[in-house]
Amino acid sequence: MKTFSFPVTSAVLMLLLAVGCTSTYKPVILVHGVLSGPSSFKTLTGFIKKAHPGTEVTAIDLFNNENSTKSMWEQIDGFAKVTQEIMEKSPEGVHLLCYSQGGLICRGVLSKLPNHNVQNFIALSSPLAGQYGVPDYLRNTFFLGIKSVYVWCYGLLKYFSVCNYWNDPHHHKEYLEYNKFLPLLNGEKTHSEMAEWKKNFLRIKKLVLIGGPDDDVITPWQSSHFGFYNNKESIIEMKKQNFYKKNPFGLKTLDTRGDLIVCTQSGVKHVEWHSNLSVFEKCIQKWLD
């Protein structure tokens, strides 16, 4: 029997090596922020594919633009369904990268999906501890000024997405009583599903929190690292927050086991986080392996 040998050129060798490398990259799911959509992730998708050739990247096409202002629980149910479908096709696990409001949507998805296989959850400039500031693009909606927003958010506008995480430090009692989203998600108000949500959330391998002092939308910017104002508008950092110390959803557990990563980047405006190469290389790339 004759045997045949073929010369392995450097090009063929590089191709074989590339195929071997791409098989290790897990699919990445992207979730957009408020008044936005999947097209906002074009640059970020390019960064990911260049750094990790062959990576399957899915920017979920759901609740886009004005529809992104619908109730957070409604959006979470929709995103959870699509995320579940993607995960069922990716038994090796996926990474979840969520921007701005999308970070809170992903928090909800991870809390409510009992068998998710999300490996690393990256929250990119997200108001995780709440929002107490009105960006320019919402000033026409909140026309009474910041001190009166809580009246609307905890009342007639309670189904408006931003109101679902509006956290007025001067009206904490009203926040706990009338906000039916963030106090439940962060375990600030007890409910029957707390233990289950915590168990589900802790299925992730790593939690990566990204934010910075020059963000001109997330207020305070430390909310992206689970810090927030007290009633004097002084910043209480994450580890001094009750939801860290009491550990109702697993934040302290992740930190204790070494799976909580905080990345701070200065000089980045809110709309630039998902298109800034330095942010990607410093804060994101290594967590998408």
C-alpha atoms as a PDB file:
ATOM      1  CA  MET A   1       0.000   0.000   0.000  1.00  0.00           C
ATOM      2  CA  LYS A   2       1.345   3.356  -0.949  1.00  0.00           C
ATOM      3  CA  THR A   3       1.441   6.164   1.543  1.00  0.00           C
ATOM      4  CA  PHE A   4       1.339   9.771   0.566  1.00  0.00           C
ATOM      5  CA  SER A   5       2.844  12.701   2.372  1.00  0.00           C
ATOM      6  CA  PHE A   6       1.924  16.287   1.815  1.00  0.00           C
ATOM      7  CA  PRO A   7       4.132  19.245   2.654  1.00  0.00           C
ATOM      8  CA  VAL A   8       2.696  21.331   5.456  1.00  0.00           C
ATOM      9  CA  THR A   9       3.184  24.933   4.483  1.00  0.00           C
ATOM     10  CA  SER A  10       3.360  27.693   7.045  1.00  0.00           C
ATOM     11  CA  ALA A  11      -0.048  28.952   5.884  1.00  0.00           C
ATOM     12  CA  VAL A  12      -1.665  25.554   6.440  1.00  0.00           C
ATOM     13  CA  LEU A  13       0.020  25.266   9.830  1.00  0.00           C
ATOM     14  CA  MET A  14      -1.304  28.667  10.886  1.00  0.00           C
ATOM     15  CA  LEU A  15      -4.796  27.679   9.739  1.00  0.00           C
ATOM     16  CA  LEU A  16      -4.671  24.478  11.785  1.00  0.00           C
ATOM     17  CA  LEU A  17      -3.491  26.380  14.830  1.00  0.00           C
ATOM     18  CA  ALA A  18      -6.226  28.953  14.379  1.00  0.00           C
ATOM     19  CA  VAL A  19      -8.878  26.247  14.193  1.00  0.00           C
ATOM     20  CA  GLY A  20      -7.513  24.734  17.385  1.00  0.00           C
ATOM     21  CA  CYS A  21      -7.609  28.075  19.161  1.00  0.00           C
ATOM     22  CA  THR A  22     -11.094  29.153  18.114  1.00  0.00           C
ATOM     23  CA  SER A  23     -12.642  25.985  19.488  1.00  0.00           C
ATOM     24  CA  THR A  24     -11.853  27.220  23.008  1.00  0.00           C
ATOM     25  CA  TYR A  25     -13.729  30.514  22.748  1.00  0.00           C
ATOM     26  CA  LYS A  26     -17.194  30.465  24.216  1.00  0.00           C
ATOM     27  CA  PRO A  27     -20.075  32.290  22.515  1.00  0.00           C
ATOM     28  CA  VAL A  28     -20.686  35.857  23.678  1.00  0.00           C
ATOM     29  CA  ILE A  29     -24.160  37.321  24.209  1.00  0.00           C
ATOM     30  CA  LEU A  30     -24.518  41.122  24.135  1.00  0.00           C
ATOM     31  CA  VAL A  31     -27.416  43.065  25.682  1.00  0.00           C
ATOM     32  CA  HIS A  32     -27.868  46.744  24.831  1.00  0.00           C
ATOM     33  CA  GLY A  33     -28.836  49.723  26.967  1.00  0.00           C
ATOM     34  CA  VAL A  34     -31.789  52.104  27.033  1.00  0.00           C
ATOM     35  CA  LEU A  35     -32.809  53.897  23.805  1.00  0.00           C
ATOM     36  CA  SER A  36     -30.427  51.700  21.859  1.00  0.00           C
ATOM     37  CA  GLY A  37     -30.268  48.397  20.009  1.00  0.00           C
ATOM     38  CA  PRO A  38     -27.952  45.642  18.740  1.00  0.00           C
ATOM     39  CA  SER A  39     -26.419  47.893  16.068  1.00  0.00           C
ATOM     40  CA  SER A  40     -24.635  49.802  18.847  1.00  0.00           C
ATOM     41  CA  PHE A  41     -22.364  46.786  19.325  1.00  0.00           C
ATOM     42  CA  LYS A  42     -20.830  46.786  15.826  1.00  0.00           C
ATOM     43  CA  THR A  43     -17.447  48.076  17.013  1.00  0.00           C
ATOM     44  CA  LEU A  44     -17.355  45.852  20.103  1.00  0.00           C
ATOM     45  CA  THR A  45     -18.226  42.807  18.003  1.00  0.00           C
ATOM     46  CA  GLY A  46     -15.290  43.660  15.770  1.00  0.00           C
ATOM     47  CA  PHE A  47     -12.954  43.908  18.787  1.00  0.00           C
ATOM     48  CA  ILE A  48     -14.082  40.480  20.028  1.00  0.00           C
ATOM     49  CA  LYS A  49     -13.756  38.737  16.659  1.00  0.00           C
ATOM     50  CA  LYS A  50     -10.327  40.218  16.029  1.00  0.00           C
ATOM     51  CA  ALA A  51      -8.999  39.248  19.465  1.00  0.00           C
ATOM     52  CA  HIS A  52     -10.718  35.845  19.467  1.00  0.00           C
ATOM     53  CA  PRO A  53     -11.204  34.712  15.851  1.00  0.00           C
ATOM     54  CA  GLY A  54     -14.171  32.462  15.317  1.00  0.00           C
ATOM     55  CA  THR A  55     -16.093  33.603  18.387  1.00  0.00           C
ATOM     56  CA  GLU A  56     -19.858  33.473  17.929  1.00  0.00           C
ATOM     57  CA  VAL A  57     -21.184  36.871  19.002  1.00  0.00           C
ATOM     58  CA  THR A  58     -24.919  37.511  19.338  1.00  0.00           C
ATOM     59  CA  ALA A  59     -26.291  40.986  20.034  1.00  0.00           C
ATOM     60  CA  ILE A  60     -29.856  40.209  21.051  1.00  0.00           C
ATOM     61  CA  ASP A  61     -32.347  41.994  18.807  1.00  0.00           C
ATOM     62  CA  LEU A  62     -35.101  42.759  21.296  1.00  0.00           C
ATOM     63  CA  PHE A  63     -36.704  45.778  23.026  1.00  0.00           C
ATOM     64  CA  ASN A  64     -34.828  48.182  20.804  1.00  0.00           C
ATOM     65  CA  ASN A  65     -34.858  51.983  20.935  1.00  0.00           C
ATOM     66  CA  GLU A  66     -38.134  53.324  22.428  1.00  0.00           C
ATOM     67  CA  ASN A  67     -39.191  49.781  23.380  1.00  0.00           C
ATOM     68  CA  SER A  68     -36.211  49.682  25.749  1.00  0.00           C
ATOM     69  CA  THR A  69     -38.165  51.937  28.104  1.00  0.00           C
ATOM     70  CA  LYS A  70     -40.725  49.227  28.843  1.00  0.00           C
ATOM     71  CA  SER A  71     -40.917  47.629  32.282  1.00  0.00           C
ATOM     72  CA  MET A  72     -37.683  45.956  33.346  1.00  0.00           C
ATOM     73  CA  TRP A  73     -39.478  42.751  34.361  1.00  0.00           C
ATOM     74  CA  GLU A  74     -41.140  42.578  30.946  1.00  0.00           C
ATOM     75  CA  GLN A  75     -37.766  43.015  29.248  1.00  0.00           C
ATOM     76  CA  ILE A  76     -36.116  40.456  31.524  1.00  0.00           C
ATOM     77  CA  ASP A  77     -38.718  37.843  30.585  1.00  0.00           C
ATOM     78  CA  GLY A  78     -38.107  38.494  26.897  1.00  0.00           C
ATOM     79  CA  PHE A  79     -34.318  38.488  27.122  1.00  0.00           C
ATOM     80  CA  ALA A  80     -34.374  35.383  29.322  1.00  0.00           C
ATOM     81  CA  LYS A  81     -36.269  33.429  26.662  1.00  0.00           C
ATOM     82  CA  VAL A  82     -33.821  34.360  23.906  1.00  0.00           C
ATOM     83  CA  THR A  83     -30.793  33.798  26.166  1.00  0.00           C
ATOM     84  CA  GLN A  84     -32.106  30.342  27.056  1.00  0.00           C
ATOM     85  CA  GLU A  85     -32.420  29.445  23.374  1.00  0.00           C
ATOM     86  CA  ILE A  86     -28.830  30.508  22.709  1.00  0.00           C
ATOM     87  CA  MET A  87     -27.521  28.590  25.734  1.00  0.00           C
ATOM     88  CA  GLU A  88     -29.275  25.397  24.651  1.00  0.00           C
ATOM     89  CA  LYS A  89     -27.191  25.504  21.471  1.00  0.00           C
ATOM     90  CA  SER A  90     -24.011  26.169  23.494  1.00  0.00           C
ATOM     91  CA  PRO A  91     -23.663  23.420  26.123  1.00  0.00           C
ATOM     92  CA  GLU A  92     -20.052  24.431  26.712  1.00  0.00           C
ATOM     93  CA  GLY A  93     -21.261  27.681  28.242  1.00  0.00           C
ATOM     94  CA  VAL A  94     -21.532  31.313  27.183  1.00  0.00           C
ATOM     95  CA  HIS A  95     -20.338  34.731  28.317  1.00  0.00           C
ATOM     96  CA  LEU A  96     -22.776  37.568  28.977  1.00  0.00           C
ATOM     97  CA  LEU A  97     -21.671  41.152  28.257  1.00  0.00           C
ATOM     98  CA  CYS A  98     -24.299  43.745  29.089  1.00  0.00           C
ATOM     99  CA  TYR A  99     -24.137  47.506  28.690  1.00  0.00           C
ATOM    100  CA  SER A 100     -25.758  50.209  30.822  1.00  0.00           C
ATOM    101  CA  GLN A 101     -29.421  49.338  31.538  1.00  0.00           C
ATOM    102  CA  GLY A 102     -28.643  45.986  29.932  1.00  0.00           C
ATOM    103  CA  GLY A 103     -26.517  45.096  32.959  1.00  0.00           C
ATOM    104  CA  LEU A 104     -29.592  45.178  35.176  1.00  0.00           C
ATOM    105  CA  ILE A 105     -31.574  43.194  32.620  1.00  0.00           C
ATOM    106  CA  CYS A 106     -28.850  40.553  32.675  1.00  0.00           C
ATOM    107  CA  ARG A 107     -28.848  40.569  36.481  1.00  0.00           C
ATOM    108  CA  GLY A 108     -32.532  39.717  36.320  1.00  0.00           C
ATOM    109  CA  VAL A 109     -32.031  37.046  33.671  1.00  0.00           C
ATOM    110  CA  LEU A 110     -29.297  35.364  35.718  1.00  0.00           C
ATOM    111  CA  SER A 111     -31.450  35.474  38.831  1.00  0.00           C
ATOM    112  CA  LYS A 112     -34.515  33.950  37.185  1.00  0.00           C
ATOM    113  CA  LEU A 113     -32.951  31.251  34.960  1.00  0.00           C
ATOM    114  CA  PRO A 114     -32.349  28.166  37.144  1.00  0.00           C
ATOM    115  CA  ASN A 115     -30.143  26.208  34.751  1.00  0.00           C
ATOM    116  CA  HIS A 116     -28.193  28.872  32.917  1.00  0.00           C
ATOM    117  CA  ASN A 117     -24.634  28.114  31.828  1.00  0.00           C
ATOM    118  CA  VAL A 118     -23.266  31.670  31.823  1.00  0.00           C
ATOM    119  CA  GLN A 119     -19.575  31.556  32.678  1.00  0.00           C
ATOM    120  CA  ASN A 120     -18.555  35.203  32.981  1.00  0.00           C
ATOM    121  CA  PHE A 121     -20.997  38.095  33.388  1.00  0.00           C
ATOM    122  CA  ILE A 122     -19.542  41.462  32.409  1.00  0.00           C
ATOM    123  CA  ALA A 123     -21.534  44.547  33.430  1.00  0.00           C
ATOM    124  CA  LEU A 124     -20.316  47.460  31.325  1.00  0.00           C
ATOM    125  CA  SER A 125     -21.140  50.817  32.941  1.00  0.00           C
ATOM    126  CA  SER A 126     -24.419  49.661  34.478  1.00  0.00           C
ATOM    127  CA  PRO A 127     -26.438  51.360  37.254  1.00  0.00           C
ATOM    128  CA  LEU A 128     -26.300  48.247  39.428  1.00  0.00           C
ATOM    129  CA  ALA A 129     -27.040  50.067  42.687  1.00  0.00           C
ATOM    130  CA  GLY A 130     -29.492  52.429  41.027  1.00  0.00           C
ATOM    131  CA  GLN A 131     -29.595  55.789  39.287  1.00  0.00           C
ATOM    132  CA  TYR A 132     -29.977  59.267  40.778  1.00  0.00           C
ATOM    133  CA  GLY A 133     -29.257  61.613  37.923  1.00  0.00           C
ATOM    134  CA  VAL A 134     -31.060  62.694  34.766  1.00  0.00           C
ATOM    135  CA  PRO A 135     -29.070  62.463  31.495  1.00  0.00           C
ATOM    136  CA  ASP A 136     -29.714  65.136  28.878  1.00  0.00           C
ATOM    137  CA  TYR A 137     -31.708  62.759  26.672  1.00  0.00           C
ATOM    138  CA  LEU A 138     -34.295  62.230  29.419  1.00  0.00           C
ATOM    139  CA  ARG A 139     -34.674  65.794  30.652  1.00  0.00           C
ATOM    140  CA  ASN A 140     -37.804  66.324  28.538  1.00  0.00           C
ATOM    141  CA  THR A 141     -39.413  63.374  30.315  1.00  0.00           C
ATOM    142  CA  PHE A 142     -38.368  64.390  33.828  1.00  0.00           C
ATOM    143  CA  PHE A 143     -39.334  68.013  33.475  1.00  0.00           C
ATOM    144  CA  LEU A 144     -39.816  68.770  37.169  1.00  0.00           C
ATOM    145  CA  GLY A 145     -36.180  68.406  38.171  1.00  0.00           C
ATOM    146  CA  ILE A 146     -34.281  65.666  39.931  1.00  0.00           C
ATOM    147  CA  LYS A 147     -35.775  66.230  43.382  1.00  0.00           C
ATOM    148  CA  SER A 148     -39.278  65.542  42.074  1.00  0.00           C
ATOM    149  CA  VAL A 149     -38.488  62.532  39.867  1.00  0.00           C
ATOM    150  CA  TYR A 150     -39.284  60.085  42.651  1.00  0.00           C
ATOM    151  CA  VAL A 151     -42.904  61.297  42.715  1.00  0.00           C
ATOM    152  CA  TRP A 152     -43.332  60.190  39.112  1.00  0.00           C
ATOM    153  CA  CYS A 153     -41.074  57.139  39.207  1.00  0.00           C
ATOM    154  CA  TYR A 154     -42.722  55.636  42.256  1.00  0.00           C
ATOM    155  CA  GLY A 155     -46.155  56.553  40.912  1.00  0.00           C
ATOM    156  CA  LEU A 156     -47.480  57.125  37.384  1.00  0.00           C
ATOM    157  CA  LEU A 157     -44.205  56.204  35.621  1.00  0.00           C
ATOM    158  CA  LYS A 158     -43.510  53.039  37.616  1.00  0.00           C
ATOM    159  CA  TYR A 159     -43.516  50.934  34.428  1.00  0.00           C
ATOM    160  CA  PHE A 160     -40.928  53.143  32.720  1.00  0.00           C
ATOM    161  CA  SER A 161     -37.631  51.224  32.717  1.00  0.00           C
ATOM    162  CA  VAL A 162     -35.426  53.965  34.187  1.00  0.00           C
ATOM    163  CA  CYS A 163     -37.923  54.426  37.015  1.00  0.00           C
ATOM    164  CA  ASN A 164     -37.511  50.746  37.875  1.00  0.00           C
ATOM    165  CA  TYR A 165     -33.976  51.490  39.071  1.00  0.00           C
ATOM    166  CA  TRP A 166     -34.452  55.106  40.158  1.00  0.00           C
ATOM    167  CA  ASN A 167     -32.985  55.184  43.666  1.00  0.00           C
ATOM    168  CA  ASP A 168     -33.644  58.493  45.401  1.00  0.00           C
ATOM    169  CA  PRO A 169     -31.358  58.576  48.469  1.00  0.00           C
ATOM    170  CA  HIS A 170     -33.542  61.263  50.041  1.00  0.00           C
ATOM    171  CA  HIS A 171     -36.665  59.099  49.781  1.00  0.00           C
ATOM    172  CA  HIS A 172     -35.380  55.654  50.684  1.00  0.00           C
ATOM    173  CA  LYS A 173     -38.612  54.639  52.400  1.00  0.00           C
ATOM    174  CA  GLU A 174     -40.624  55.373  49.257  1.00  0.00           C
ATOM    175  CA  TYR A 175     -38.010  53.586  47.128  1.00  0.00           C
ATOM    176  CA  LEU A 176     -38.404  50.402  49.173  1.00  0.00           C
ATOM    177  CA  GLU A 177     -42.177  50.626  49.269  1.00  0.00           C
ATOM    178  CA  TYR A 178     -43.053  51.577  45.708  1.00  0.00           C
ATOM    179  CA  ASN A 179     -40.152  50.429  43.514  1.00  0.00           C
ATOM    180  CA  LYS A 180     -41.022  46.871  42.459  1.00  0.00           C
ATOM    181  CA  PHE A 181     -37.762  46.077  40.703  1.00  0.00           C
ATOM    182  CA  LEU A 182     -34.364  47.094  42.075  1.00  0.00           C
ATOM    183  CA  PRO A 183     -35.058  46.594  45.823  1.00  0.00           C
ATOM    184  CA  LEU A 184     -36.163  43.045  44.976  1.00  0.00           C
ATOM    185  CA  LEU A 185     -33.251  42.329  42.653  1.00  0.00           C
ATOM    186  CA  ASN A 186     -30.664  43.602  45.159  1.00  0.00           C
ATOM    187  CA  GLY A 187     -32.341  41.912  48.101  1.00  0.00           C
ATOM    188  CA  GLU A 188     -33.037  45.202  49.869  1.00  0.00           C
ATOM    189  CA  LYS A 189     -36.607  44.048  50.356  1.00  0.00           C
ATOM    190  CA  THR A 190     -37.278  40.442  51.332  1.00  0.00           C
ATOM    191  CA  HIS A 191     -39.390  38.246  49.071  1.00  0.00           C
ATOM    192  CA  SER A 192     -40.151  34.556  48.620  1.00  0.00           C
ATOM    193  CA  GLU A 193     -37.756  33.994  45.709  1.00  0.00           C
ATOM    194  CA  MET A 194     -34.601  35.432  47.299  1.00  0.00           C
ATOM    195  CA  ALA A 195     -32.905  32.089  48.006  1.00  0.00           C
ATOM    196  CA  GLU A 196     -33.646  30.750  44.519  1.00  0.00           C
ATOM    197  CA  TRP A 197     -32.452  33.918  42.797  1.00  0.00           C
ATOM    198  CA  LYS A 198     -29.227  33.853  44.793  1.00  0.00           C
ATOM    199  CA  LYS A 199     -28.597  30.217  43.921  1.00  0.00           C
ATOM    200  CA  ASN A 200     -29.176  30.929  40.238  1.00  0.00           C
ATOM    201  CA  PHE A 201     -27.000  34.061  40.183  1.00  0.00           C
ATOM    202  CA  LEU A 202     -24.094  32.259  41.847  1.00  0.00           C
ATOM    203  CA  ARG A 203     -23.881  29.801  38.938  1.00  0.00           C
ATOM    204  CA  ILE A 204     -21.676  32.353  37.170  1.00  0.00           C
ATOM    205  CA  LYS A 205     -17.902  31.898  37.351  1.00  0.00           C
ATOM    206  CA  LYS A 206     -16.870  35.563  37.333  1.00  0.00           C
ATOM    207  CA  LEU A 207     -18.612  38.904  37.801  1.00  0.00           C
ATOM    208  CA  VAL A 208     -16.777  41.769  36.090  1.00  0.00           C
ATOM    209  CA  LEU A 209     -17.817  45.329  36.987  1.00  0.00           C
ATOM    210  CA  ILE A 210     -16.655  48.116  34.675  1.00  0.00           C
ATOM    211  CA  GLY A 211     -17.091  51.864  35.141  1.00  0.00           C
ATOM    212  CA  GLY A 212     -15.268  55.138  35.567  1.00  0.00           C
ATOM    213  CA  PRO A 213     -15.368  58.686  36.925  1.00  0.00           C
ATOM    214  CA  ASP A 214     -15.900  60.418  33.579  1.00  0.00           C
ATOM    215  CA  ASP A 215     -19.115  58.602  32.749  1.00  0.00           C
ATOM    216  CA  ASP A 216     -21.638  61.403  32.237  1.00  0.00           C
ATOM    217  CA  VAL A 217     -24.813  59.323  32.545  1.00  0.00           C
ATOM    218  CA  ILE A 218     -24.574  56.753  35.350  1.00  0.00           C
ATOM    219  CA  THR A 219     -25.056  58.767  38.554  1.00  0.00           C
ATOM    220  CA  PRO A 220     -23.237  58.252  40.754  1.00  0.00           C
ATOM    221  CA  TRP A 221     -20.739  56.524  38.493  1.00  0.00           C
ATOM    222  CA  GLN A 222     -19.802  54.250  41.410  1.00  0.00           C
ATOM    223  CA  SER A 223     -23.174  52.549  40.931  1.00  0.00           C
ATOM    224  CA  SER A 224     -21.440  50.551  38.195  1.00  0.00           C
ATOM    225  CA  HIS A 225     -19.346  49.070  41.041  1.00  0.00           C
ATOM    226  CA  PHE A 226     -22.329  48.697  43.413  1.00  0.00           C
ATOM    227  CA  GLY A 227     -21.526  51.918  45.272  1.00  0.00           C
ATOM    228  CA  PHE A 228     -24.191  54.542  45.910  1.00  0.00           C
ATOM    229  CA  TYR A 229     -25.175  57.733  47.732  1.00  0.00           C
ATOM    230  CA  ASN A 230     -26.336  57.954  51.309  1.00  0.00           C
ATOM    231  CA  ASN A 231     -28.943  60.559  52.240  1.00  0.00           C
ATOM    232  CA  LYS A 232     -26.223  63.225  52.293  1.00  0.00           C
ATOM    233  CA  GLU A 233     -25.131  62.249  48.780  1.00  0.00           C
ATOM    234  CA  SER A 234     -21.798  60.923  50.029  1.00  0.00           C
ATOM    235  CA  ILE A 235     -20.644  57.739  48.317  1.00  0.00           C
ATOM    236  CA  ILE A 236     -20.955  54.495  50.254  1.00  0.00           C
ATOM    237  CA  GLU A 237     -18.705  52.016  48.482  1.00  0.00           C
ATOM    238  CA  MET A 238     -19.784  48.477  47.655  1.00  0.00           C
ATOM    239  CA  LYS A 239     -18.363  46.637  50.672  1.00  0.00           C
ATOM    240  CA  LYS A 240     -20.155  48.967  53.076  1.00  0.00           C
ATOM    241  CA  GLN A 241     -23.531  48.504  51.414  1.00  0.00           C
ATOM    242  CA  ASN A 242     -26.065  46.344  53.274  1.00  0.00           C
ATOM    243  CA  PHE A 243     -26.647  44.222  50.186  1.00  0.00           C
ATOM    244  CA  TYR A 244     -22.948  43.321  50.300  1.00  0.00           C
ATOM    245  CA  LYS A 245     -22.666  42.790  54.050  1.00  0.00           C
ATOM    246  CA  LYS A 246     -25.917  40.831  54.359  1.00  0.00           C
ATOM    247  CA  ASN A 247     -25.192  39.038  51.065  1.00  0.00           C
ATOM    248  CA  PRO A 248     -28.811  38.512  49.922  1.00  0.00           C
ATOM    249  CA  PHE A 249     -27.970  37.823  46.264  1.00  0.00           C
ATOM    250  CA  GLY A 250     -24.393  36.544  46.523  1.00  0.00           C
ATOM    251  CA  LEU A 251     -22.200  39.602  45.907  1.00  0.00           C
ATOM    252  CA  LYS A 252     -20.066  38.971  48.987  1.00  0.00           C
ATOM    253  CA  THR A 253     -19.876  35.270  48.142  1.00  0.00           C
ATOM    254  CA  LEU A 254     -18.428  36.066  44.723  1.00  0.00           C
ATOM    255  CA  ASP A 255     -15.908  38.427  46.296  1.00  0.00           C
ATOM    256  CA  THR A 256     -14.898  35.904  48.967  1.00  0.00           C
ATOM    257  CA  ARG A 257     -14.276  33.166  46.447  1.00  0.00           C
ATOM    258  CA  GLY A 258     -12.170  35.536  44.304  1.00  0.00           C
ATOM    259  CA  ASP A 259     -14.646  35.819  41.453  1.00  0.00           C
ATOM    260  CA  LEU A 260     -15.494  39.529  41.671  1.00  0.00           C
ATOM    261  CA  ILE A 261     -13.432  41.772  39.390  1.00  0.00           C
ATOM    262  CA  VAL A 262     -13.656  45.573  39.422  1.00  0.00           C
ATOM    263  CA  CYS A 263     -12.188  47.555  36.537  1.00  0.00           C
ATOM    264  CA  THR A 264     -12.030  51.365  36.594  1.00  0.00           C
ATOM    265  CA  GLN A 265     -11.238  53.371  33.470  1.00  0.00           C
ATOM    266  CA  SER A 266     -11.020  57.157  33.422  1.00  0.00           C
ATOM    267  CA  GLY A 267     -11.587  59.403  30.428  1.00  0.00           C
ATOM    268  CA  VAL A 268     -14.506  57.400  29.025  1.00  0.00           C
ATOM    269  CA  LYS A 269     -17.929  58.939  28.385  1.00  0.00           C
ATOM    270  CA  HIS A 270     -20.984  56.752  28.779  1.00  0.00           C
ATOM    271  CA  VAL A 271     -21.608  56.309  25.062  1.00  0.00           C
ATOM    272  CA  GLU A 272     -17.978  55.306  24.484  1.00  0.00           C
ATOM    273  CA  TRP A 273     -17.678  52.214  26.692  1.00  0.00           C
ATOM    274  CA  HIS A 274     -18.530  49.691  24.002  1.00  0.00           C
ATOM    275  CA  SER A 275     -16.378  51.299  21.323  1.00  0.00           C
ATOM    276  CA  ASN A 276     -13.226  52.092  23.318  1.00  0.00           C
ATOM    277  CA  LEU A 277     -10.354  49.758  22.471  1.00  0.00           C
ATOM    278  CA  SER A 278      -8.503  50.493  25.712  1.00  0.00           C
ATOM    279  CA  VAL A 279     -11.568  49.491  27.747  1.00  0.00           C
ATOM    280  CA  PHE A 280     -11.858  46.279  25.756  1.00  0.00           C
ATOM    281  CA  GLU A 281      -8.198  45.361  26.145  1.00  0.00           C
ATOM    282  CA  LYS A 282      -7.940  46.313  29.818  1.00  0.00           C
ATOM    283  CA  CYS A 283     -11.318  45.288  31.202  1.00  0.00           C
ATOM    284  CA  ILE A 284     -13.041  42.849  28.851  1.00  0.00           C
ATOM    285  CA  GLN A 285     -10.828  40.756  26.576  1.00  0.00           C
ATOM    286  CA  LYS A 286      -9.339  38.338  29.117  1.00  0.00           C
ATOM    287  CA  TRP A 287     -12.789  37.462  30.498  1.00  0.00           C
ATOM    288  CA  LEU A 288     -14.016  36.252  27.115  1.00  0.00           C
ATOM    289  CA  ASP A 289     -11.530  33.385  26.790  1.00  0.00           C
END
